[in-house]
Protein backbone atom coordinates (compact mmCIF):
# COMPACT_ATOMS: atom_id res chain seq x y z
CA MET A 1 215.58 -34.02 17.10
CA THR A 2 212.47 -35.23 16.70
CA LYS A 3 209.41 -33.49 16.18
CA GLY A 4 206.19 -33.72 17.65
CA LYS A 5 202.47 -32.27 17.62
CA ALA A 6 199.13 -32.42 19.95
CA ARG A 7 196.29 -30.17 19.46
CA VAL A 8 193.71 -30.38 22.43
CA ALA A 9 189.84 -28.92 20.26
CA GLN A 10 186.73 -29.97 22.99
CA ALA A 11 184.05 -28.82 23.69
CA SER A 12 181.91 -29.91 26.92
CA GLY A 13 179.76 -28.69 29.39
CA GLY A 14 179.92 -25.37 28.51
CA TYR A 15 183.52 -25.10 28.67
CA ALA A 16 185.66 -24.98 25.40
CA TYR A 17 189.20 -26.00 24.80
CA PHE A 18 191.70 -24.80 22.23
CA ALA A 19 195.35 -25.21 21.70
CA GLU A 20 197.99 -26.58 19.22
CA VAL A 21 201.87 -27.44 20.29
CA GLU A 22 204.32 -28.28 17.94
CA LEU A 23 207.88 -28.96 18.86
CA GLU A 24 211.15 -30.83 18.86
CA VAL A 25 212.99 -32.54 21.20
CA GLU A 26 216.50 -34.00 21.78
CA LEU A 27 217.59 -36.23 24.72
CA GLY A 28 220.42 -35.75 26.58
CA GLY A 29 222.53 -33.74 28.99
CA GLN A 30 221.17 -32.53 32.46
CA GLY A 31 218.16 -30.60 33.22
CA LEU A 32 215.60 -29.02 30.65
CA ARG A 33 217.10 -26.85 27.99
CA LEU A 34 213.89 -24.53 26.54
CA ASP A 35 213.75 -22.15 24.13
CA PHE A 36 211.00 -20.48 21.59
CA GLY A 37 210.63 -19.68 18.12
CA PRO A 38 208.88 -16.84 16.56
CA GLY A 39 205.50 -18.73 15.89
CA ALA A 40 205.69 -19.36 19.82
CA THR A 41 205.19 -15.58 21.02
CA GLU A 42 201.95 -16.62 23.56
CA TRP A 43 201.59 -18.48 26.34
CA GLN A 44 204.94 -19.70 27.01
CA GLU A 45 204.41 -20.07 30.51
CA GLY A 46 201.36 -22.68 29.50
CA ALA A 47 204.05 -24.64 27.25
CA ARG A 48 206.90 -24.30 29.85
CA PHE A 49 205.07 -25.75 32.37
CA GLY A 50 203.74 -28.58 30.60
CA VAL A 51 207.02 -29.84 28.79
CA ALA A 52 208.57 -29.81 32.71
CA TYR A 53 206.02 -32.14 33.62
CA ALA A 54 206.09 -34.49 30.07
CA LEU A 55 210.09 -34.86 30.50
CA GLU A 56 209.76 -35.51 34.40
CA HIS A 57 206.99 -38.12 33.74
CA LYS A 58 208.03 -39.51 30.36
CA GLY A 59 209.91 -42.69 31.95
CA GLN A 60 209.96 -45.03 34.80
CA SER A 61 213.22 -45.28 35.79
CA ARG A 62 216.17 -42.51 37.20
CA GLU A 63 218.18 -43.12 33.94
CA ASP A 64 214.87 -42.43 31.32
CA ARG A 65 214.75 -39.08 33.03
CA ARG A 66 217.73 -37.16 31.48
CA GLY A 67 217.89 -33.67 29.94
CA ALA A 68 216.36 -32.42 26.95
CA ARG A 69 216.82 -29.63 25.09
CA VAL A 70 213.57 -28.46 23.61
CA ARG A 71 212.71 -25.92 21.37
CA VAL A 72 208.79 -25.33 21.04
CA LEU A 73 208.14 -24.43 17.15
CA GLN A 74 204.10 -23.37 17.00
CA ILE A 75 201.69 -22.03 19.71
CA ARG A 76 197.92 -21.63 18.26
CA GLY A 77 195.39 -20.36 20.40
CA HIS A 78 192.35 -17.97 20.65
CA ALA A 79 191.99 -15.95 23.32
CA ILE A 80 188.72 -17.03 24.30
CA ASP A 81 189.47 -20.69 24.23
CA THR A 82 192.57 -21.04 25.05
CA THR A 83 194.54 -20.48 28.39
CA SER A 84 197.90 -21.45 30.22
CA MET A 85 196.14 -24.65 31.50
CA VAL A 86 195.23 -25.63 27.84
CA VAL A 87 198.78 -25.17 26.00
CA ALA A 88 200.51 -27.00 28.77
CA TYR A 89 198.10 -29.77 28.43
CA ALA A 90 199.25 -29.35 24.71
CA ALA A 91 202.68 -29.43 25.51
CA MET A 92 202.43 -32.88 27.17
CA LEU A 93 200.70 -34.31 24.62
CA ALA A 94 203.21 -33.02 22.03
CA LEU A 95 206.14 -34.12 24.05
CA TRP A 96 204.85 -37.32 24.33
CA ASP A 97 204.57 -37.68 20.67
CA ALA A 98 207.80 -36.62 19.62
CA LEU A 99 208.89 -39.27 22.09
CA GLY A 100 206.77 -41.88 21.30
CA GLU A 101 205.59 -42.21 24.60
CA SER A 102 203.13 -42.11 27.34
CA PRO A 103 202.93 -42.09 30.99
CA ALA A 104 201.29 -44.53 33.00
CA ARG A 105 198.85 -42.00 34.66
CA ALA A 106 198.12 -39.17 32.12
CA PRO A 107 196.37 -35.47 32.88
CA ARG A 108 193.04 -35.37 31.19
CA ILE A 109 190.18 -32.68 30.95
CA GLU A 110 187.27 -33.04 32.56
CA GLY A 111 184.79 -31.67 29.80
CA ALA A 112 181.58 -31.21 32.07
CA THR A 113 183.24 -29.29 34.99
CA GLY A 114 186.26 -27.73 32.91
CA ILE A 115 188.90 -29.18 35.89
CA PHE A 116 192.26 -30.15 34.88
CA SER A 117 193.32 -33.48 36.64
CA ILE A 118 197.30 -34.07 36.65
CA PRO A 119 198.78 -37.03 38.28
CA GLY A 120 201.64 -36.25 40.90
């Protein structure tokens, strides 16, 4: 298993975003097997979306998109600056960090407008 961690902390145009996600991943098998540790009790739906998206978009070939076992160890946030979408973004970055990869077209936050851009 390899560990990955990502922190999103930015403020722009009257918007503020904060989330930290730490996880571990082991590639193999079919599909996604995802579970959450005791430090990841909030914003699980955001982490679930982010991990699934990152796994689907991690490789260029069909063989690179095999399944994985992911354990989300920690999700940190604040009631005001953290949403499920910010956690999803941090989870994507954490998974790619664990795998030492990045997608050809990465998601991003348009700080001045508060819009998240996630390529399909």
